[in-house]
Amino acid sequence: MPQPDLARLAAEWECQRTLLAFYEAIDRARYADVAAFFTPDGEWLRRGSVVRGRAAIEKTYEGRSADVRARHIVTNILTRQKAPGIVSFSLCITFYTGTAATDVPTIPGPSMVLSSHGELALVGGRWLIHRKETVREFMVEPAT
């Protein structure tokens, strides 16, 4: 029976951890940390525009209301080492938002379902997002 490629599995595992930590930083409103999960020349295709570089990525969060609480539930994470130092990924996100003014917001359900895919690169011993695309798959109708 062939032995698993432990180096490949370790790289894919570390990339999954990077992606989960990235969404945790967004949910905790640590936007400088969000940008630091990208390579210096990283790009993020979101909302129909390409955002390039850490400063531009951090700027996308300027002016975000402190009254909003967000949670990204990340599932279906698939990672695959394409070459040494390059791992591709795809994942699904169920996104929830509520008002942070209360201890535990009451919400009707998720706001939307998204998918994301791209590549991570090994830079200075750390896996960072090099390219990421986020696509809105479903929008939830507002409660009436």
N, C-alpha and C. Protein backbone atom coordinates (compact mmCIF):
# COMPACT_ATOMS: atom_id res chain seq x y z
N MET A 1 0.85 -1.18 0.00
CA MET A 1 0.00 0.00 0.00
C MET A 1 0.89 1.24 0.00
N PRO A 2 0.62 2.21 -0.90
CA PRO A 2 1.47 3.42 -0.94
C PRO A 2 1.29 4.26 0.32
N GLN A 3 2.38 4.87 0.74
CA GLN A 3 2.36 5.75 1.90
C GLN A 3 1.90 7.14 1.48
N PRO A 4 1.15 7.83 2.35
CA PRO A 4 0.73 9.18 2.00
C PRO A 4 1.92 10.13 1.93
N ASP A 5 1.80 11.13 1.10
CA ASP A 5 2.83 12.16 0.97
C ASP A 5 2.62 13.16 2.12
N LEU A 6 3.33 12.97 3.20
CA LEU A 6 3.11 13.77 4.41
C LEU A 6 3.41 15.24 4.20
N ALA A 7 4.40 15.57 3.41
CA ALA A 7 4.71 16.99 3.14
C ALA A 7 3.55 17.66 2.41
N ARG A 8 2.97 16.97 1.44
CA ARG A 8 1.83 17.52 0.70
C ARG A 8 0.63 17.68 1.63
N LEU A 9 0.35 16.67 2.43
CA LEU A 9 -0.77 16.75 3.36
C LEU A 9 -0.58 17.88 4.37
N ALA A 10 0.64 18.05 4.86
CA ALA A 10 0.93 19.13 5.81
C ALA A 10 0.71 20.49 5.16
N ALA A 11 1.14 20.65 3.92
CA ALA A 11 0.95 21.93 3.21
C ALA A 11 -0.53 22.22 3.04
N GLU A 12 -1.29 21.22 2.62
CA GLU A 12 -2.72 21.42 2.42
C GLU A 12 -3.42 21.74 3.74
N TRP A 13 -3.03 21.06 4.81
CA TRP A 13 -3.59 21.34 6.15
C TRP A 13 -3.28 22.77 6.58
N GLU A 14 -2.05 23.21 6.42
CA GLU A 14 -1.68 24.58 6.80
C GLU A 14 -2.44 25.62 5.97
N CYS A 15 -2.70 25.32 4.71
CA CYS A 15 -3.47 26.23 3.88
C CYS A 15 -4.92 26.32 4.37
N GLN A 16 -5.49 25.20 4.78
CA GLN A 16 -6.84 25.22 5.33
C GLN A 16 -6.88 26.07 6.61
N ARG A 17 -5.87 25.92 7.44
CA ARG A 17 -5.80 26.73 8.67
C ARG A 17 -5.67 28.22 8.34
N THR A 18 -4.89 28.55 7.32
CA THR A 18 -4.76 29.94 6.90
C THR A 18 -6.11 30.50 6.47
N LEU A 19 -6.85 29.76 5.68
CA LEU A 19 -8.15 30.23 5.20
C LEU A 19 -9.13 30.42 6.36
N LEU A 20 -9.16 29.49 7.29
CA LEU A 20 -10.05 29.63 8.44
C LEU A 20 -9.65 30.84 9.30
N ALA A 21 -8.37 31.04 9.50
CA ALA A 21 -7.90 32.19 10.28
C ALA A 21 -8.22 33.50 9.57
N PHE A 22 -8.15 33.51 8.25
CA PHE A 22 -8.51 34.69 7.45
C PHE A 22 -9.96 35.10 7.74
N TYR A 23 -10.88 34.15 7.67
CA TYR A 23 -12.29 34.48 7.92
C TYR A 23 -12.54 34.84 9.39
N GLU A 24 -11.80 34.24 10.29
CA GLU A 24 -11.89 34.61 11.71
C GLU A 24 -11.48 36.08 11.89
N ALA A 25 -10.44 36.51 11.20
CA ALA A 25 -9.99 37.91 11.30
C ALA A 25 -11.07 38.86 10.79
N ILE A 26 -11.74 38.50 9.70
CA ILE A 26 -12.84 39.34 9.21
C ILE A 26 -13.93 39.42 10.27
N ASP A 27 -14.33 38.28 10.80
CA ASP A 27 -15.42 38.25 11.78
C ASP A 27 -15.08 39.01 13.06
N ARG A 28 -13.82 39.09 13.39
CA ARG A 28 -13.40 39.81 14.61
C ARG A 28 -13.01 41.25 14.31
N ALA A 29 -13.24 41.70 13.07
CA ALA A 29 -12.96 43.08 12.64
C ALA A 29 -11.48 43.45 12.79
N ARG A 30 -10.60 42.49 12.55
CA ARG A 30 -9.15 42.74 12.57
C ARG A 30 -8.69 42.89 11.11
N TYR A 31 -8.99 44.04 10.52
CA TYR A 31 -8.83 44.22 9.09
C TYR A 31 -7.37 44.31 8.64
N ALA A 32 -6.48 44.81 9.48
CA ALA A 32 -5.05 44.79 9.12
C ALA A 32 -4.58 43.35 9.04
N ASP A 33 -5.09 42.50 9.94
CA ASP A 33 -4.75 41.08 9.90
C ASP A 33 -5.31 40.43 8.64
N VAL A 34 -6.52 40.83 8.23
CA VAL A 34 -7.12 40.28 7.01
C VAL A 34 -6.17 40.51 5.84
N ALA A 35 -5.70 41.72 5.69
CA ALA A 35 -4.79 42.06 4.59
C ALA A 35 -3.48 41.28 4.69
N ALA A 36 -3.01 41.03 5.89
CA ALA A 36 -1.74 40.33 6.09
C ALA A 36 -1.81 38.86 5.69
N PHE A 37 -3.01 38.32 5.49
CA PHE A 37 -3.14 36.95 5.01
C PHE A 37 -2.88 36.83 3.51
N PHE A 38 -2.68 37.96 2.84
CA PHE A 38 -2.39 37.97 1.40
C PHE A 38 -0.90 38.16 1.16
N THR A 39 -0.42 37.66 0.03
CA THR A 39 0.94 37.97 -0.39
C THR A 39 0.98 39.48 -0.66
N PRO A 40 2.16 40.09 -0.64
CA PRO A 40 2.22 41.54 -0.90
C PRO A 40 1.56 41.95 -2.22
N ASP A 41 1.63 41.09 -3.24
CA ASP A 41 1.01 41.39 -4.53
C ASP A 41 -0.30 40.61 -4.73
N GLY A 42 -0.87 40.12 -3.63
CA GLY A 42 -2.08 39.31 -3.72
C GLY A 42 -3.25 40.07 -4.30
N GLU A 43 -4.17 39.30 -4.88
CA GLU A 43 -5.36 39.94 -5.44
C GLU A 43 -6.61 39.17 -5.03
N TRP A 44 -7.68 39.95 -4.86
CA TRP A 44 -8.96 39.42 -4.43
C TRP A 44 -10.03 39.95 -5.36
N LEU A 45 -10.66 39.07 -6.11
CA LEU A 45 -11.78 39.44 -6.96
C LEU A 45 -13.04 39.31 -6.12
N ARG A 46 -13.64 40.45 -5.82
CA ARG A 46 -14.86 40.46 -5.00
C ARG A 46 -15.76 41.58 -5.47
N ARG A 47 -17.05 41.30 -5.48
CA ARG A 47 -18.05 42.28 -5.89
C ARG A 47 -17.75 42.86 -7.27
N GLY A 48 -17.21 42.04 -8.16
CA GLY A 48 -16.97 42.45 -9.53
C GLY A 48 -15.71 43.25 -9.77
N SER A 49 -14.91 43.47 -8.75
CA SER A 49 -13.68 44.25 -8.89
C SER A 49 -12.49 43.46 -8.36
N VAL A 50 -11.34 43.71 -8.93
CA VAL A 50 -10.10 43.11 -8.44
C VAL A 50 -9.44 44.11 -7.50
N VAL A 51 -9.15 43.65 -6.29
CA VAL A 51 -8.44 44.46 -5.29
C VAL A 51 -7.04 43.88 -5.20
N ARG A 52 -6.01 44.70 -5.45
CA ARG A 52 -4.62 44.22 -5.47
C ARG A 52 -3.80 44.85 -4.35
N GLY A 53 -3.05 44.01 -3.67
CA GLY A 53 -2.12 44.48 -2.65
C GLY A 53 -2.77 44.62 -1.28
N ARG A 54 -1.95 44.49 -0.27
CA ARG A 54 -2.45 44.51 1.11
C ARG A 54 -3.12 45.82 1.49
N ALA A 55 -2.54 46.94 1.10
CA ALA A 55 -3.13 48.23 1.47
C ALA A 55 -4.53 48.39 0.88
N ALA A 56 -4.69 47.99 -0.37
CA ALA A 56 -6.00 48.10 -1.02
C ALA A 56 -7.01 47.15 -0.39
N ILE A 57 -6.55 45.96 -0.01
CA ILE A 57 -7.44 44.99 0.63
C ILE A 57 -7.91 45.52 1.98
N GLU A 58 -6.99 46.06 2.75
CA GLU A 58 -7.38 46.63 4.05
C GLU A 58 -8.34 47.80 3.86
N LYS A 59 -8.12 48.60 2.83
CA LYS A 59 -8.97 49.77 2.56
C LYS A 59 -10.42 49.38 2.26
N THR A 60 -10.65 48.17 1.74
CA THR A 60 -12.02 47.76 1.44
C THR A 60 -12.90 47.71 2.69
N TYR A 61 -12.26 47.64 3.84
CA TYR A 61 -13.02 47.56 5.09
C TYR A 61 -13.16 48.91 5.79
N GLU A 62 -12.57 49.97 5.23
CA GLU A 62 -12.70 51.30 5.84
C GLU A 62 -14.16 51.70 5.91
N GLY A 63 -14.53 52.28 7.03
CA GLY A 63 -15.88 52.79 7.19
C GLY A 63 -16.91 51.73 7.54
N ARG A 64 -16.48 50.49 7.72
CA ARG A 64 -17.43 49.45 8.10
C ARG A 64 -17.97 49.77 9.48
N SER A 65 -19.27 49.69 9.62
CA SER A 65 -19.93 50.05 10.87
C SER A 65 -19.52 49.11 12.00
N ALA A 66 -19.29 49.69 13.16
CA ALA A 66 -18.97 48.90 14.34
C ALA A 66 -20.22 48.21 14.90
N ASP A 67 -21.42 48.59 14.38
CA ASP A 67 -22.67 48.00 14.83
C ASP A 67 -23.01 46.68 14.13
N VAL A 68 -22.17 46.26 13.19
CA VAL A 68 -22.45 45.04 12.44
C VAL A 68 -21.62 43.89 13.00
N ARG A 69 -22.28 42.79 13.26
CA ARG A 69 -21.59 41.57 13.66
C ARG A 69 -21.71 40.61 12.48
N ALA A 70 -20.59 40.05 12.05
CA ALA A 70 -20.59 39.13 10.90
C ALA A 70 -19.96 37.81 11.31
N ARG A 71 -20.46 36.74 10.71
CA ARG A 71 -19.88 35.43 10.91
C ARG A 71 -19.88 34.69 9.57
N HIS A 72 -18.72 34.15 9.24
CA HIS A 72 -18.55 33.33 8.04
C HIS A 72 -18.45 31.88 8.51
N ILE A 73 -19.39 31.04 8.09
CA ILE A 73 -19.33 29.61 8.38
C ILE A 73 -18.71 28.96 7.15
N VAL A 74 -17.49 28.49 7.29
CA VAL A 74 -16.70 27.98 6.15
C VAL A 74 -16.78 26.46 6.14
N THR A 75 -17.19 25.91 4.99
CA THR A 75 -17.31 24.47 4.83
C THR A 75 -16.78 24.05 3.47
N ASN A 76 -16.79 22.76 3.24
CA ASN A 76 -16.43 22.17 1.95
C ASN A 76 -15.06 22.65 1.46
N ILE A 77 -14.11 22.75 2.38
CA ILE A 77 -12.77 23.22 2.01
C ILE A 77 -12.02 22.10 1.30
N LEU A 78 -11.60 22.40 0.10
CA LEU A 78 -10.77 21.48 -0.66
C LEU A 78 -9.46 22.19 -1.00
N THR A 79 -8.36 21.55 -0.70
CA THR A 79 -7.05 22.10 -1.05
C THR A 79 -6.30 21.05 -1.84
N ARG A 80 -5.46 21.51 -2.76
CA ARG A 80 -4.69 20.59 -3.58
C ARG A 80 -3.36 21.24 -3.94
N GLN A 81 -2.29 20.58 -3.59
CA GLN A 81 -0.97 21.12 -3.94
C GLN A 81 -0.78 20.97 -5.45
N LYS A 82 -0.56 22.12 -6.11
CA LYS A 82 -0.38 22.13 -7.56
C LYS A 82 1.09 22.01 -7.93
N ALA A 83 1.93 22.59 -7.10
CA ALA A 83 3.38 22.59 -7.32
C ALA A 83 4.00 22.90 -5.97
N PRO A 84 5.31 22.67 -5.82
CA PRO A 84 5.92 23.05 -4.54
C PRO A 84 5.70 24.56 -4.28
N GLY A 85 5.14 24.86 -3.12
CA GLY A 85 4.91 26.25 -2.76
C GLY A 85 3.62 26.86 -3.31
N ILE A 86 2.78 26.07 -4.01
CA ILE A 86 1.51 26.57 -4.55
C ILE A 86 0.41 25.56 -4.24
N VAL A 87 -0.66 26.03 -3.58
CA VAL A 87 -1.80 25.18 -3.26
C VAL A 87 -3.06 25.89 -3.74
N SER A 88 -3.91 25.16 -4.47
CA SER A 88 -5.20 25.71 -4.88
C SER A 88 -6.24 25.38 -3.81
N PHE A 89 -7.31 26.18 -3.78
CA PHE A 89 -8.37 25.91 -2.80
C PHE A 89 -9.73 26.26 -3.39
N SER A 90 -10.74 25.64 -2.82
CA SER A 90 -12.13 26.03 -3.04
C SER A 90 -12.87 25.78 -1.73
N LEU A 91 -13.89 26.58 -1.47
CA LEU A 91 -14.65 26.45 -0.24
C LEU A 91 -16.02 27.09 -0.40
N CYS A 92 -16.88 26.82 0.58
CA CYS A 92 -18.22 27.39 0.60
C CYS A 92 -18.37 28.19 1.90
N ILE A 93 -19.12 29.29 1.82
CA ILE A 93 -19.32 30.15 2.99
C ILE A 93 -20.81 30.42 3.15
N THR A 94 -21.33 30.18 4.35
CA THR A 94 -22.66 30.64 4.70
C THR A 94 -22.42 31.86 5.59
N PHE A 95 -22.97 33.01 5.17
CA PHE A 95 -22.65 34.29 5.79
C PHE A 95 -23.85 34.80 6.58
N TYR A 96 -23.58 35.18 7.82
CA TYR A 96 -24.60 35.73 8.71
C TYR A 96 -24.20 37.13 9.13
N THR A 97 -25.18 38.02 9.22
CA THR A 97 -24.93 39.35 9.77
C THR A 97 -26.05 39.71 10.75
N GLY A 98 -25.68 40.49 11.73
CA GLY A 98 -26.64 40.97 12.71
C GLY A 98 -26.14 42.26 13.31
N THR A 99 -26.94 42.84 14.17
CA THR A 99 -26.58 44.08 14.83
C THR A 99 -25.80 43.76 16.10
N ALA A 100 -24.64 44.37 16.24
CA ALA A 100 -23.78 44.11 17.40
C ALA A 100 -24.25 44.85 18.64
N ALA A 101 -25.30 45.65 18.52
CA ALA A 101 -25.76 46.45 19.65
C ALA A 101 -26.33 45.59 20.78
N THR A 102 -26.72 44.37 20.47
CA THR A 102 -27.23 43.48 21.51
C THR A 102 -26.22 42.37 21.76
N ASP A 103 -26.33 41.75 22.93
CA ASP A 103 -25.40 40.66 23.27
C ASP A 103 -25.49 39.52 22.27
N VAL A 104 -26.72 39.10 21.98
CA VAL A 104 -26.94 38.01 21.03
C VAL A 104 -28.01 38.47 20.04
N PRO A 105 -27.59 38.86 18.84
CA PRO A 105 -28.58 39.34 17.87
C PRO A 105 -29.54 38.23 17.44
N THR A 106 -30.77 38.61 17.17
CA THR A 106 -31.76 37.69 16.60
C THR A 106 -31.81 37.98 15.11
N ILE A 107 -31.61 36.94 14.30
CA ILE A 107 -31.60 37.11 12.85
C ILE A 107 -32.50 36.03 12.23
N PRO A 108 -33.05 36.31 11.04
CA PRO A 108 -33.94 35.33 10.41
C PRO A 108 -33.20 34.15 9.77
N GLY A 109 -31.92 34.27 9.55
CA GLY A 109 -31.14 33.22 8.89
C GLY A 109 -29.93 33.81 8.23
N PRO A 110 -29.27 33.05 7.38
CA PRO A 110 -28.07 33.59 6.72
C PRO A 110 -28.42 34.72 5.75
N SER A 111 -27.47 35.57 5.50
CA SER A 111 -27.63 36.67 4.54
C SER A 111 -27.40 36.19 3.12
N MET A 112 -26.41 35.31 2.97
CA MET A 112 -26.07 34.81 1.64
C MET A 112 -25.19 33.58 1.76
N VAL A 113 -25.05 32.91 0.61
CA VAL A 113 -24.13 31.79 0.49
C VAL A 113 -23.16 32.16 -0.61
N LEU A 114 -21.88 31.98 -0.32
CA LEU A 114 -20.83 32.33 -1.27
C LEU A 114 -19.93 31.13 -1.53
N SER A 115 -19.19 31.22 -2.61
CA SER A 115 -18.12 30.25 -2.84
C SER A 115 -16.85 31.06 -3.05
N SER A 116 -15.73 30.43 -2.82
CA SER A 116 -14.46 31.10 -3.02
C SER A 116 -13.45 30.07 -3.52
N HIS A 117 -12.59 30.52 -4.39
CA HIS A 117 -11.51 29.65 -4.86
C HIS A 117 -10.31 30.51 -5.21
N GLY A 118 -9.16 29.87 -5.28
CA GLY A 118 -7.95 30.61 -5.61
C GLY A 118 -6.71 29.80 -5.30
N GLU A 119 -5.63 30.52 -4.99
CA GLU A 119 -4.35 29.88 -4.71
C GLU A 119 -3.67 30.54 -3.52
N LEU A 120 -2.95 29.72 -2.79
CA LEU A 120 -2.07 30.19 -1.73
C LEU A 120 -0.64 29.91 -2.16
N ALA A 121 0.28 30.75 -1.68
CA ALA A 121 1.70 30.59 -1.99
C ALA A 121 2.48 30.57 -0.69
N LEU A 122 3.54 29.80 -0.68
CA LEU A 122 4.43 29.74 0.47
C LEU A 122 5.43 30.88 0.36
N VAL A 123 5.34 31.83 1.32
CA VAL A 123 6.20 33.01 1.31
C VAL A 123 6.86 33.13 2.68
N GLY A 124 8.18 33.04 2.71
CA GLY A 124 8.89 33.16 3.98
C GLY A 124 8.47 32.13 5.01
N GLY A 125 8.12 30.92 4.56
CA GLY A 125 7.72 29.86 5.48
C GLY A 125 6.27 29.93 5.91
N ARG A 126 5.49 30.84 5.33
CA ARG A 126 4.09 31.03 5.72
C ARG A 126 3.20 30.94 4.48
N TRP A 127 2.09 30.22 4.58
CA TRP A 127 1.14 30.14 3.49
C TRP A 127 0.26 31.38 3.47
N LEU A 128 0.24 32.06 2.33
CA LEU A 128 -0.53 33.30 2.17
C LEU A 128 -1.39 33.21 0.92
N ILE A 129 -2.50 33.92 0.94
CA ILE A 129 -3.41 33.94 -0.20
C ILE A 129 -2.77 34.78 -1.30
N HIS A 130 -2.60 34.19 -2.45
CA HIS A 130 -2.03 34.91 -3.59
C HIS A 130 -3.13 35.42 -4.53
N ARG A 131 -4.13 34.59 -4.72
CA ARG A 131 -5.25 34.96 -5.58
C ARG A 131 -6.50 34.35 -4.98
N LYS A 132 -7.58 35.15 -4.93
CA LYS A 132 -8.83 34.68 -4.33
C LYS A 132 -9.99 35.30 -5.07
N GLU A 133 -10.95 34.48 -5.41
CA GLU A 133 -12.20 34.99 -6.01
C GLU A 133 -13.35 34.57 -5.12
N THR A 134 -14.23 35.51 -4.83
CA THR A 134 -15.41 35.25 -4.03
C THR A 134 -16.63 35.49 -4.90
N VAL A 135 -17.54 34.52 -4.93
CA VAL A 135 -18.73 34.59 -5.79
C VAL A 135 -19.97 34.43 -4.93
N ARG A 136 -20.94 35.32 -5.12
CA ARG A 136 -22.22 35.17 -4.44
C ARG A 136 -23.03 34.12 -5.17
N GLU A 137 -23.34 33.04 -4.48
CA GLU A 137 -24.10 31.93 -5.07
C GLU A 137 -25.61 32.10 -4.84
N PHE A 138 -25.97 32.52 -3.62
CA PHE A 138 -27.37 32.72 -3.26
C PHE A 138 -27.49 33.95 -2.38
N MET A 139 -28.53 34.73 -2.62
CA MET A 139 -28.88 35.83 -1.73
C MET A 139 -30.19 35.44 -1.04
N VAL A 140 -30.31 35.74 0.23
CA VAL A 140 -31.52 35.42 0.97
C VAL A 140 -32.47 36.60 0.89
N GLU A 141 -33.73 36.30 0.58
CA GLU A 141 -34.73 37.36 0.51
C GLU A 141 -34.95 37.95 1.89
N PRO A 142 -35.09 39.27 1.95
CA PRO A 142 -35.35 39.90 3.26
C PRO A 142 -36.69 39.42 3.82
N ALA A 143 -36.76 39.28 5.13
CA ALA A 143 -38.00 38.88 5.79
C ALA A 143 -39.05 39.96 5.59
N THR A 144 -40.27 39.55 5.36
CA THR A 144 -41.36 40.53 5.16
C THR A 144 -42.29 40.57 6.33
